């Protein structure tokens, strides 16, 4: 059996017989794009719609009006889940009345109860308990969670909204595209290796697998940074780690004796950090570390003026 993708989310469930008020049905009618139907009622026992089997086996809900009309389900949606407001599945779509576009308020949704499907079948392959509680814990509900493998090496480009969660270590040498919303969550460490680059949004957290971690829109303090910079062909200087978090180290080469100036500017050209200010240098390779903890997250430029030449590069600061 293959391991699931690390960004897969397993929905939680609730097999109790007292569902809360409000929820949503997520479905793909006749294979169409995903639709979300919402309601604001407490699901009622039984069904006023013709169904096969005892009426007590079903939840019935009345859909809510939306900004675009009225929530309904359609043919081809059967088997899709009914979620509570807490994101837990309590039933699977069984049927409903004939779609009535002229009176959608009286077009109820009917769902088979998860509590009934739990042990109702004599065939073990059809009992949900055998699949959702194979070790017999007798749990009444289970929260959803992302798939969680031991380690993950992220070498591929990341775009869109994605969560990567592991129980041990994430090693990332990937790129995060502009506009992306990426979450790294690891039990022990997150290592941003040479080659990692981010122009989108990265949230990283250290915590137990399945937990939120100890970070909220900032990178946890104990994330391991890349130890060495990435040298570019023909370049006389670089900065690491890039993206930077609480600090950055500039590494630069002076090929002729003379004065050197190294500054960090924002997009408006305002100097934010003066790392080296007109200091006389002999030929050689130098490093200068400075704090970036006071800088807002975003893109900056670092500029080296030396040997009568000027080089400009980008530095990403994350929080």
C-alpha atoms as a PDB file:
ATOM      1  CA  UNK A   1       0.000   0.000   0.000  1.00  0.00           C
ATOM      2  CA  UNK A   2       1.358   3.409  -1.007  1.00  0.00           C
ATOM      3  CA  UNK A   3       1.682   6.198   1.544  1.00  0.00           C
ATOM      4  CA  UNK A   4      -0.750   9.087   0.937  1.00  0.00           C
ATOM      5  CA  UNK A   5       0.584  12.465  -0.242  1.00  0.00           C
ATOM      6  CA  UNK A   6       1.808  14.589   2.659  1.00  0.00           C
ATOM      7  CA  UNK A   7      -0.687  17.336   1.843  1.00  0.00           C
ATOM      8  CA  UNK A   8      -3.703  14.978   2.033  1.00  0.00           C
ATOM      9  CA  UNK A   9      -6.301  15.783   4.689  1.00  0.00           C
ATOM     10  CA  UNK A  10      -8.321  13.019   6.348  1.00  0.00           C
ATOM     11  CA  UNK A  11     -11.765  14.265   7.382  1.00  0.00           C
ATOM     12  CA  UNK A  12     -12.873  13.684  10.966  1.00  0.00           C
ATOM     13  CA  UNK A  13     -16.152  12.048  11.939  1.00  0.00           C
ATOM     14  CA  UNK A  14     -18.771  11.981  14.692  1.00  0.00           C
ATOM     15  CA  UNK A  15     -20.971   8.917  15.239  1.00  0.00           C
ATOM     16  CA  UNK A  16     -22.955  10.272  18.171  1.00  0.00           C
ATOM     17  CA  UNK A  17     -26.713  10.708  17.786  1.00  0.00           C
ATOM     18  CA  UNK A  18     -26.916  14.371  18.845  1.00  0.00           C
ATOM     19  CA  UNK A  19     -25.478  16.545  16.069  1.00  0.00           C
ATOM     20  CA  UNK A  20     -24.947  20.278  16.638  1.00  0.00           C
ATOM     21  CA  UNK A  21     -26.675  23.071  14.763  1.00  0.00           C
ATOM     22  CA  UNK A  22     -25.380  24.053  11.323  1.00  0.00           C
ATOM     23  CA  UNK A  23     -23.091  22.435   8.817  1.00  0.00           C
ATOM     24  CA  UNK A  24     -22.457  21.805   5.140  1.00  0.00           C
ATOM     25  CA  UNK A  25     -22.658  19.169   2.452  1.00  0.00           C
ATOM     26  CA  UNK A  26     -19.757  18.979  -0.009  1.00  0.00           C
ATOM     27  CA  UNK A  27     -20.531  17.209  -3.266  1.00  0.00           C
ATOM     28  CA  UNK A  28     -19.750  16.844  -6.968  1.00  0.00           C
ATOM     29  CA  UNK A  29     -23.152  16.528  -8.668  1.00  0.00           C
ATOM     30  CA  UNK A  30     -22.902  14.258 -11.703  1.00  0.00           C
ATOM     31  CA  UNK A  31     -19.125  14.752 -11.673  1.00  0.00           C
ATOM     32  CA  UNK A  32     -19.397  18.551 -11.810  1.00  0.00           C
ATOM     33  CA  UNK A  33     -16.984  20.882  -9.988  1.00  0.00           C
ATOM     34  CA  UNK A  34     -17.204  20.883  -6.197  1.00  0.00           C
ATOM     35  CA  UNK A  35     -20.335  22.402  -4.685  1.00  0.00           C
ATOM     36  CA  UNK A  36     -20.907  23.362  -1.054  1.00  0.00           C
ATOM     37  CA  UNK A  37     -24.451  23.448   0.332  1.00  0.00           C
ATOM     38  CA  UNK A  38     -24.932  24.969   3.789  1.00  0.00           C
ATOM     39  CA  UNK A  39     -27.589  24.761   6.471  1.00  0.00           C
ATOM     40  CA  UNK A  40     -28.198  26.384   9.863  1.00  0.00           C
ATOM     41  CA  UNK A  41     -30.533  23.863  11.522  1.00  0.00           C
ATOM     42  CA  UNK A  42     -30.111  20.927  13.880  1.00  0.00           C
ATOM     43  CA  UNK A  43     -30.462  17.813  11.652  1.00  0.00           C
ATOM     44  CA  UNK A  44     -33.749  16.120  12.445  1.00  0.00           C
ATOM     45  CA  UNK A  45     -34.290  12.410  12.951  1.00  0.00           C
ATOM     46  CA  UNK A  46     -36.216  10.642  10.218  1.00  0.00           C
ATOM     47  CA  UNK A  47     -37.238  11.855   6.793  1.00  0.00           C
ATOM     48  CA  UNK A  48     -40.301  13.349   5.159  1.00  0.00           C
ATOM     49  CA  UNK A  49     -38.931  12.187   1.803  1.00  0.00           C
ATOM     50  CA  UNK A  50     -39.517   8.698   0.413  1.00  0.00           C
ATOM     51  CA  UNK A  51     -36.527   6.522   1.370  1.00  0.00           C
ATOM     52  CA  UNK A  52     -35.758   2.836   1.580  1.00  0.00           C
ATOM     53  CA  UNK A  53     -35.350   1.588   5.140  1.00  0.00           C
ATOM     54  CA  UNK A  54     -36.484   2.808   8.579  1.00  0.00           C
ATOM     55  CA  UNK A  55     -36.920   6.562   8.816  1.00  0.00           C
ATOM     56  CA  UNK A  56     -34.838   6.673  12.010  1.00  0.00           C
ATOM     57  CA  UNK A  57     -31.765   5.749   9.932  1.00  0.00           C
ATOM     58  CA  UNK A  58     -31.604   9.214   8.384  1.00  0.00           C
ATOM     59  CA  UNK A  59     -30.779  12.839   9.081  1.00  0.00           C
ATOM     60  CA  UNK A  60     -32.890  15.422   7.254  1.00  0.00           C
ATOM     61  CA  UNK A  61     -31.869  19.042   6.895  1.00  0.00           C
ATOM     62  CA  UNK A  62     -33.290  22.112   5.186  1.00  0.00           C
ATOM     63  CA  UNK A  63     -30.774  24.053   3.144  1.00  0.00           C
ATOM     64  CA  UNK A  64     -30.022  27.743   3.648  1.00  0.00           C
ATOM     65  CA  UNK A  65     -30.305  30.654   1.272  1.00  0.00           C
ATOM     66  CA  UNK A  66     -26.942  31.885  -0.059  1.00  0.00           C
ATOM     67  CA  UNK A  67     -25.631  34.974  -1.839  1.00  0.00           C
ATOM     68  CA  UNK A  68     -26.170  33.145  -5.151  1.00  0.00           C
ATOM     69  CA  UNK A  69     -29.565  31.592  -4.483  1.00  0.00           C
ATOM     70  CA  UNK A  70     -30.292  28.478  -2.442  1.00  0.00           C
ATOM     71  CA  UNK A  71     -28.206  25.467  -1.420  1.00  0.00           C
ATOM     72  CA  UNK A  72     -29.397  22.144  -2.853  1.00  0.00           C
ATOM     73  CA  UNK A  73     -27.996  18.744  -3.801  1.00  0.00           C
ATOM     74  CA  UNK A  74     -28.417  17.122  -7.202  1.00  0.00           C
ATOM     75  CA  UNK A  75     -28.269  13.730  -8.823  1.00  0.00           C
ATOM     76  CA  UNK A  76     -24.809  12.194  -8.786  1.00  0.00           C
ATOM     77  CA  UNK A  77     -24.055  13.599  -5.317  1.00  0.00           C
ATOM     78  CA  UNK A  78     -25.088  10.418  -3.480  1.00  0.00           C
ATOM     79  CA  UNK A  79     -22.584   9.221  -0.907  1.00  0.00           C
ATOM     80  CA  UNK A  80     -21.107  12.687  -0.365  1.00  0.00           C
ATOM     81  CA  UNK A  81     -20.527  13.757   3.247  1.00  0.00           C
ATOM     82  CA  UNK A  82     -22.557  15.933   5.573  1.00  0.00           C
ATOM     83  CA  UNK A  83     -20.247  17.928   7.853  1.00  0.00           C
ATOM     84  CA  UNK A  84     -20.988  19.615  11.155  1.00  0.00           C
ATOM     85  CA  UNK A  85     -19.793  23.166  11.771  1.00  0.00           C
ATOM     86  CA  UNK A  86     -16.795  21.570  13.488  1.00  0.00           C
ATOM     87  CA  UNK A  87     -15.831  19.856  10.225  1.00  0.00           C
ATOM     88  CA  UNK A  88     -16.833  16.323  11.300  1.00  0.00           C
ATOM     89  CA  UNK A  89     -18.786  13.932   9.049  1.00  0.00           C
ATOM     90  CA  UNK A  90     -22.099  12.729  10.516  1.00  0.00           C
ATOM     91  CA  UNK A  91     -23.741  11.219   7.435  1.00  0.00           C
ATOM     92  CA  UNK A  92     -23.611  10.359   3.742  1.00  0.00           C
ATOM     93  CA  UNK A  93     -26.081  11.672   1.162  1.00  0.00           C
ATOM     94  CA  UNK A  94     -28.807   9.131   0.535  1.00  0.00           C
ATOM     95  CA  UNK A  95     -31.368  11.079  -1.411  1.00  0.00           C
ATOM     96  CA  UNK A  96     -33.720  13.993  -1.446  1.00  0.00           C
ATOM     97  CA  UNK A  97     -36.845  15.223  -3.061  1.00  0.00           C
ATOM     98  CA  UNK A  98     -37.025  15.902  -6.785  1.00  0.00           C
ATOM     99  CA  UNK A  99     -35.039  19.092  -7.367  1.00  0.00           C
ATOM    100  CA  UNK A 100     -37.461  21.964  -7.097  1.00  0.00           C
ATOM    101  CA  UNK A 101     -35.885  25.155  -8.412  1.00  0.00           C
ATOM    102  CA  UNK A 102     -39.186  27.006  -7.872  1.00  0.00           C
ATOM    103  CA  UNK A 103     -39.353  26.166  -4.167  1.00  0.00           C
ATOM    104  CA  UNK A 104     -35.790  25.304  -3.034  1.00  0.00           C
ATOM    105  CA  UNK A 105     -36.632  26.033   0.615  1.00  0.00           C
ATOM    106  CA  UNK A 106     -38.706  22.830   0.568  1.00  0.00           C
ATOM    107  CA  UNK A 107     -36.055  20.702  -1.134  1.00  0.00           C
ATOM    108  CA  UNK A 108     -34.565  18.864   1.887  1.00  0.00           C
ATOM    109  CA  UNK A 109     -31.400  16.834   1.977  1.00  0.00           C
ATOM    110  CA  UNK A 110     -31.517  13.313   3.395  1.00  0.00           C
ATOM    111  CA  UNK A 111     -28.374  11.652   4.745  1.00  0.00           C
ATOM    112  CA  UNK A 112     -27.778   8.178   6.099  1.00  0.00           C
ATOM    113  CA  UNK A 113     -26.583   8.416   9.701  1.00  0.00           C
ATOM    114  CA  UNK A 114     -22.951   7.608  10.362  1.00  0.00           C
ATOM    115  CA  UNK A 115     -24.077   6.156  13.683  1.00  0.00           C
ATOM    116  CA  UNK A 116     -26.292   3.657  11.879  1.00  0.00           C
ATOM    117  CA  UNK A 117     -23.664   2.731   9.290  1.00  0.00           C
ATOM    118  CA  UNK A 118     -21.189   2.080  12.096  1.00  0.00           C
ATOM    119  CA  UNK A 119     -22.336  -1.457  12.933  1.00  0.00           C
ATOM    120  CA  UNK A 120     -25.539  -2.022  10.966  1.00  0.00           C
ATOM    121  CA  UNK A 121     -24.226  -4.450   8.337  1.00  0.00           C
ATOM    122  CA  UNK A 122     -23.524  -8.123   8.955  1.00  0.00           C
ATOM    123  CA  UNK A 123     -20.786  -7.876   6.328  1.00  0.00           C
ATOM    124  CA  UNK A 124     -17.595  -6.596   7.980  1.00  0.00           C
ATOM    125  CA  UNK A 125     -16.525  -5.013   4.719  1.00  0.00           C
ATOM    126  CA  UNK A 126     -19.563  -2.722   4.856  1.00  0.00           C
ATOM    127  CA  UNK A 127     -19.372  -1.720   8.523  1.00  0.00           C
ATOM    128  CA  UNK A 128     -17.713   1.649   9.079  1.00  0.00           C
ATOM    129  CA  UNK A 129     -16.402   0.509  12.457  1.00  0.00           C
ATOM    130  CA  UNK A 130     -14.105  -1.990  10.742  1.00  0.00           C
ATOM    131  CA  UNK A 131     -12.551   0.783   8.650  1.00  0.00           C
ATOM    132  CA  UNK A 132     -12.625   3.781  10.985  1.00  0.00           C
ATOM    133  CA  UNK A 133     -11.921   2.021  14.286  1.00  0.00           C
ATOM    134  CA  UNK A 134     -10.113  -1.208  13.329  1.00  0.00           C
ATOM    135  CA  UNK A 135      -8.454  -1.580  16.760  1.00  0.00           C
ATOM    136  CA  UNK A 136     -11.762  -1.295  18.643  1.00  0.00           C
ATOM    137  CA  UNK A 137     -11.130   1.879  20.672  1.00  0.00           C
ATOM    138  CA  UNK A 138     -14.891   2.594  20.709  1.00  0.00           C
ATOM    139  CA  UNK A 139     -14.228   6.262  19.936  1.00  0.00           C
ATOM    140  CA  UNK A 140     -17.360   8.349  19.461  1.00  0.00           C
ATOM    141  CA  UNK A 141     -15.629  10.949  17.293  1.00  0.00           C
ATOM    142  CA  UNK A 142     -12.274  11.692  15.738  1.00  0.00           C
ATOM    143  CA  UNK A 143     -10.882  15.042  14.626  1.00  0.00           C
ATOM    144  CA  UNK A 144      -9.583  15.453  11.081  1.00  0.00           C
ATOM    145  CA  UNK A 145      -5.874  15.681  10.386  1.00  0.00           C
ATOM    146  CA  UNK A 146      -3.318  15.877   7.618  1.00  0.00           C
ATOM    147  CA  UNK A 147      -1.443  12.776   6.570  1.00  0.00           C
ATOM    148  CA  UNK A 148       1.779  12.509   8.514  1.00  0.00           C
ATOM    149  CA  UNK A 149       4.868  10.621   7.378  1.00  0.00           C
ATOM    150  CA  UNK A 150       8.180  10.434   9.279  1.00  0.00           C
ATOM    151  CA  UNK A 151      10.306  12.674   7.021  1.00  0.00           C
ATOM    152  CA  UNK A 152       9.833  14.608   3.808  1.00  0.00           C
ATOM    153  CA  UNK A 153      12.328  15.979   1.310  1.00  0.00           C
ATOM    154  CA  UNK A 154      10.690  18.894  -0.506  1.00  0.00           C
ATOM    155  CA  UNK A 155      12.578  19.499  -3.736  1.00  0.00           C
ATOM    156  CA  UNK A 156       9.657  20.449  -5.958  1.00  0.00           C
ATOM    157  CA  UNK A 157       8.089  23.866  -6.586  1.00  0.00           C
ATOM    158  CA  UNK A 158       5.168  24.757  -4.312  1.00  0.00           C
ATOM    159  CA  UNK A 159       2.198  26.835  -5.482  1.00  0.00           C
ATOM    160  CA  UNK A 160      -1.318  27.472  -4.257  1.00  0.00           C
ATOM    161  CA  UNK A 161      -2.455  26.503  -0.749  1.00  0.00           C
ATOM    162  CA  UNK A 162      -0.653  23.462   0.643  1.00  0.00           C
ATOM    163  CA  UNK A 163       0.255  21.929   4.021  1.00  0.00           C
ATOM    164  CA  UNK A 164       3.182  19.555   4.475  1.00  0.00           C
ATOM    165  CA  UNK A 165       3.276  17.825   7.838  1.00  0.00           C
ATOM    166  CA  UNK A 166       5.642  15.176   9.150  1.00  0.00           C
ATOM    167  CA  UNK A 167       6.386  13.615  12.521  1.00  0.00           C
ATOM    168  CA  UNK A 168      10.137  14.230  12.316  1.00  0.00           C
ATOM    169  CA  UNK A 169      11.967  16.451   9.792  1.00  0.00           C
ATOM    170  CA  UNK A 170      11.184  18.478   6.660  1.00  0.00           C
ATOM    171  CA  UNK A 171      14.172  19.138   4.386  1.00  0.00           C
ATOM    172  CA  UNK A 172      13.291  21.890   1.910  1.00  0.00           C
ATOM    173  CA  UNK A 173      15.366  23.033  -1.057  1.00  0.00           C
ATOM    174  CA  UNK A 174      12.311  24.026  -3.061  1.00  0.00           C
ATOM    175  CA  UNK A 175      10.789  27.280  -4.270  1.00  0.00           C
ATOM    176  CA  UNK A 176       7.541  28.737  -2.973  1.00  0.00           C
ATOM    177  CA  UNK A 177       5.849  30.741  -5.703  1.00  0.00           C
ATOM    178  CA  UNK A 178       4.406  34.221  -5.374  1.00  0.00           C
ATOM    179  CA  UNK A 179       0.859  34.039  -4.019  1.00  0.00           C
ATOM    180  CA  UNK A 180       1.340  30.593  -2.494  1.00  0.00           C
ATOM    181  CA  UNK A 181       0.135  29.854   1.058  1.00  0.00           C
ATOM    182  CA  UNK A 182       2.397  27.091   2.369  1.00  0.00           C
ATOM    183  CA  UNK A 183       2.516  25.544   5.837  1.00  0.00           C
ATOM    184  CA  UNK A 184       5.442  23.421   7.014  1.00  0.00           C
ATOM    185  CA  UNK A 185       4.732  21.515  10.235  1.00  0.00           C
ATOM    186  CA  UNK A 186       7.272  19.103  11.698  1.00  0.00           C
ATOM    187  CA  UNK A 187       7.682  17.244  14.978  1.00  0.00           C
ATOM    188  CA  UNK A 188      11.410  17.919  15.340  1.00  0.00           C
ATOM    189  CA  UNK A 189      12.951  20.266  12.778  1.00  0.00           C
ATOM    190  CA  UNK A 190      12.500  22.127   9.509  1.00  0.00           C
ATOM    191  CA  UNK A 191      15.698  22.505   7.505  1.00  0.00           C
ATOM    192  CA  UNK A 192      15.811  25.171   4.784  1.00  0.00           C
ATOM    193  CA  UNK A 193      18.655  23.928   2.613  1.00  0.00           C
ATOM    194  CA  UNK A 194      20.686  25.811  -0.015  1.00  0.00           C
ATOM    195  CA  UNK A 195      18.461  26.399  -3.012  1.00  0.00           C
ATOM    196  CA  UNK A 196      15.357  27.194  -0.961  1.00  0.00           C
ATOM    197  CA  UNK A 197      13.614  30.368  -2.125  1.00  0.00           C
ATOM    198  CA  UNK A 198      10.298  31.927  -1.181  1.00  0.00           C
ATOM    199  CA  UNK A 199       8.345  34.770  -2.754  1.00  0.00           C
ATOM    200  CA  UNK A 200       5.000  33.518  -1.375  1.00  0.00           C
ATOM    201  CA  UNK A 201       3.866  33.058   2.225  1.00  0.00           C
ATOM    202  CA  UNK A 202       5.425  30.397   4.456  1.00  0.00           C
ATOM    203  CA  UNK A 203       4.152  29.483   7.916  1.00  0.00           C
ATOM    204  CA  UNK A 204       6.358  26.991   9.741  1.00  0.00           C
ATOM    205  CA  UNK A 205       5.720  25.325  13.088  1.00  0.00           C
ATOM    206  CA  UNK A 206       7.347  22.771  15.354  1.00  0.00           C
ATOM    207  CA  UNK A 207       4.922  20.496  17.191  1.00  0.00           C
ATOM    208  CA  UNK A 208       3.498  17.009  17.475  1.00  0.00           C
ATOM    209  CA  UNK A 209       2.082  15.504  14.312  1.00  0.00           C
ATOM    210  CA  UNK A 210      -1.522  16.620  13.991  1.00  0.00           C
ATOM    211  CA  UNK A 211      -1.097  19.585  16.348  1.00  0.00           C
ATOM    212  CA  UNK A 212      -1.040  23.279  15.342  1.00  0.00           C
ATOM    213  CA  UNK A 213       2.596  23.604  16.462  1.00  0.00           C
ATOM    214  CA  UNK A 214       4.168  26.519  18.284  1.00  0.00           C
ATOM    215  CA  UNK A 215       3.983  29.082  15.504  1.00  0.00           C
ATOM    216  CA  UNK A 216       1.404  31.543  14.243  1.00  0.00           C
ATOM    217  CA  UNK A 217       2.403  33.349  11.043  1.00  0.00           C
ATOM    218  CA  UNK A 218       6.045  33.274  12.078  1.00  0.00           C
ATOM    219  CA  UNK A 219       8.828  30.761  11.847  1.00  0.00           C
ATOM    220  CA  UNK A 220       9.511  28.822  15.033  1.00  0.00           C
ATOM    221  CA  UNK A 221      12.769  29.773  16.754  1.00  0.00           C
ATOM    222  CA  UNK A 222      14.239  26.287  16.658  1.00  0.00           C
ATOM    223  CA  UNK A 223      14.070  25.805  12.892  1.00  0.00           C
ATOM    224  CA  UNK A 224      17.426  24.720  11.545  1.00  0.00           C
ATOM    225  CA  UNK A 225      18.842  27.158   9.003  1.00  0.00           C
ATOM    226  CA  UNK A 226      21.080  26.328   6.080  1.00  0.00           C
ATOM    227  CA  UNK A 227      24.662  26.395   7.337  1.00  0.00           C
ATOM    228  CA  UNK A 228      26.382  27.618   4.184  1.00  0.00           C
ATOM    229  CA  UNK A 229      25.512  30.135   1.481  1.00  0.00           C
ATOM    230  CA  UNK A 230      24.931  29.248  -2.137  1.00  0.00           C
ATOM    231  CA  UNK A 231      27.651  30.731  -4.302  1.00  0.00           C
ATOM    232  CA  UNK A 232      26.571  32.013  -7.691  1.00  0.00           C
ATOM    233  CA  UNK A 233      28.823  31.846 -10.738  1.00  0.00           C
ATOM    234  CA  UNK A 234      30.632  35.157 -11.218  1.00  0.00           C
ATOM    235  CA  UNK A 235      29.234  36.624  -8.010  1.00  0.00           C
ATOM    236  CA  UNK A 236      31.368  38.345  -5.364  1.00  0.00           C
ATOM    237  CA  UNK A 237      28.803  38.189  -2.571  1.00  0.00           C
ATOM    238  CA  UNK A 238      25.737  36.411  -1.238  1.00  0.00           C
ATOM    239  CA  UNK A 239      23.483  36.255   1.832  1.00  0.00           C
ATOM    240  CA  UNK A 240      22.261  33.313   3.896  1.00  0.00           C
ATOM    241  CA  UNK A 241      19.862  32.053   4.984  1.00  0.00           C
ATOM    242  CA  UNK A 242      17.655  33.413   2.238  1.00  0.00           C
ATOM    243  CA  UNK A 243      14.793  33.651   3.204  1.00  0.00           C
ATOM    244  CA  UNK A 244      16.059  35.154   6.468  1.00  0.00           C
ATOM    245  CA  UNK A 245      14.294  34.957   9.793  1.00  0.00           C
ATOM    246  CA  UNK A 246      15.855  36.614  12.850  1.00  0.00           C
ATOM    247  CA  UNK A 247      19.247  37.312  11.240  1.00  0.00           C
ATOM    248  CA  UNK A 248      21.183  37.189   7.994  1.00  0.00           C
ATOM    249  CA  UNK A 249      24.861  36.725   7.202  1.00  0.00           C
ATOM    250  CA  UNK A 250      26.413  38.548   4.257  1.00  0.00           C
ATOM    251  CA  UNK A 251      29.431  36.894   2.693  1.00  0.00           C
ATOM    252  CA  UNK A 252      31.422  39.026   0.260  1.00  0.00           C
ATOM    253  CA  UNK A 253      34.719  38.955  -1.578  1.00  0.00           C
ATOM    254  CA  UNK A 254      37.034  41.927  -1.957  1.00  0.00           C
ATOM    255  CA  UNK A 255      39.370  41.487  -4.908  1.00  0.00           C
ATOM    256  CA  UNK A 256      41.187  44.836  -4.650  1.00  0.00           C
ATOM    257  CA  UNK A 257      42.036  46.854  -1.560  1.00  0.00           C
ATOM    258  CA  UNK A 258      39.595  49.676  -1.045  1.00  0.00           C
ATOM    259  CA  UNK A 259      36.486  50.867   0.732  1.00  0.00           C
ATOM    260  CA  UNK A 260      33.359  48.699   0.932  1.00  0.00           C
ATOM    261  CA  UNK A 261      29.745  49.626   1.602  1.00  0.00           C
ATOM    262  CA  UNK A 262      27.042  46.982   2.139  1.00  0.00           C
ATOM    263  CA  UNK A 263      23.442  48.063   2.785  1.00  0.00           C
ATOM    264  CA  UNK A 264      19.953  46.570   2.860  1.00  0.00           C
ATOM    265  CA  UNK A 265      17.102  48.585   1.339  1.00  0.00           C
ATOM    266  CA  UNK A 266      13.351  48.124   1.087  1.00  0.00           C
ATOM    267  CA  UNK A 267      11.353  48.333  -2.130  1.00  0.00           C
ATOM    268  CA  UNK A 268      11.085  52.122  -1.799  1.00  0.00           C
ATOM    269  CA  UNK A 269      14.871  52.431  -1.684  1.00  0.00           C
ATOM    270  CA  UNK A 270      15.016  53.336   1.996  1.00  0.00           C
ATOM    271  CA  UNK A 271      18.088  52.038   3.826  1.00  0.00           C
ATOM    272  CA  UNK A 272      17.065  49.620   6.577  1.00  0.00           C
ATOM    273  CA  UNK A 273      20.429  48.108   7.538  1.00  0.00           C
ATOM    274  CA  UNK A 274      23.944  49.427   6.974  1.00  0.00           C
ATOM    275  CA  UNK A 275      26.030  46.279   7.432  1.00  0.00           C
ATOM    276  CA  UNK A 276      29.364  47.777   6.305  1.00  0.00           C
ATOM    277  CA  UNK A 277      29.853  51.520   5.933  1.00  0.00           C
ATOM    278  CA  UNK A 278      32.812  52.711   3.865  1.00  0.00           C
ATOM    279  CA  UNK A 279      35.283  50.542   5.738  1.00  0.00           C
ATOM    280  CA  UNK A 280      38.747  49.929   4.257  1.00  0.00           C
ATOM    281  CA  UNK A 281      39.243  46.272   3.247  1.00  0.00           C
ATOM    282  CA  UNK A 282      42.222  44.251   2.126  1.00  0.00           C
ATOM    283  CA  UNK A 283      41.660  41.586  -0.560  1.00  0.00           C
ATOM    284  CA  UNK A 284      39.925  38.523   0.884  1.00  0.00           C
ATOM    285  CA  UNK A 285      36.582  37.002   1.810  1.00  0.00           C
ATOM    286  CA  UNK A 286      34.541  38.508   4.651  1.00  0.00           C
ATOM    287  CA  UNK A 287      31.333  37.758   6.542  1.00  0.00           C
ATOM    288  CA  UNK A 288      29.035  40.114   8.423  1.00  0.00           C
ATOM    289  CA  UNK A 289      25.964  38.979  10.398  1.00  0.00           C
ATOM    290  CA  UNK A 290      23.158  41.389  11.268  1.00  0.00           C
ATOM    291  CA  UNK A 291      19.768  41.089  12.937  1.00  0.00           C
ATOM    292  CA  UNK A 292      16.618  41.179  10.803  1.00  0.00           C
ATOM    293  CA  UNK A 293      14.215  40.584  13.702  1.00  0.00           C
ATOM    294  CA  UNK A 294      12.938  44.197  13.558  1.00  0.00           C
ATOM    295  CA  UNK A 295      12.111  44.072   9.829  1.00  0.00           C
ATOM    296  CA  UNK A 296       8.579  43.366   8.583  1.00  0.00           C
ATOM    297  CA  UNK A 297       8.247  40.280   6.402  1.00  0.00           C
ATOM    298  CA  UNK A 298       8.775  41.031   2.741  1.00  0.00           C
ATOM    299  CA  UNK A 299      11.264  41.434  -0.085  1.00  0.00           C
ATOM    300  CA  UNK A 300      14.403  43.591   0.316  1.00  0.00           C
ATOM    301  CA  UNK A 301      17.504  44.428  -1.727  1.00  0.00           C
ATOM    302  CA  UNK A 302      21.062  44.091  -0.467  1.00  0.00           C
ATOM    303  CA  UNK A 303      23.649  46.150  -2.286  1.00  0.00           C
ATOM    304  CA  UNK A 304      27.431  45.789  -2.248  1.00  0.00           C
ATOM    305  CA  UNK A 305      29.655  48.631  -3.443  1.00  0.00           C
ATOM    306  CA  UNK A 306      33.294  47.561  -3.723  1.00  0.00           C
ATOM    307  CA  UNK A 307      36.175  47.694  -6.190  1.00  0.00           C
ATOM    308  CA  UNK A 308      34.391  50.519  -7.997  1.00  0.00           C
ATOM    309  CA  UNK A 309      31.557  48.104  -8.793  1.00  0.00           C
ATOM    310  CA  UNK A 310      28.007  47.727  -7.529  1.00  0.00           C
ATOM    311  CA  UNK A 311      25.977  44.507  -7.183  1.00  0.00           C
ATOM    312  CA  UNK A 312      22.324  44.253  -6.140  1.00  0.00           C
ATOM    313  CA  UNK A 313      20.460  41.102  -5.064  1.00  0.00           C
ATOM    314  CA  UNK A 314      17.196  40.189  -3.349  1.00  0.00           C
ATOM    315  CA  UNK A 315      16.659  39.016   0.221  1.00  0.00           C
ATOM    316  CA  UNK A 316      13.351  37.584   1.507  1.00  0.00           C
ATOM    317  CA  UNK A 317      12.510  38.101   5.191  1.00  0.00           C
ATOM    318  CA  UNK A 318       9.909  35.797   6.771  1.00  0.00           C
ATOM    319  CA  UNK A 319       8.047  35.926  10.061  1.00  0.00           C
END
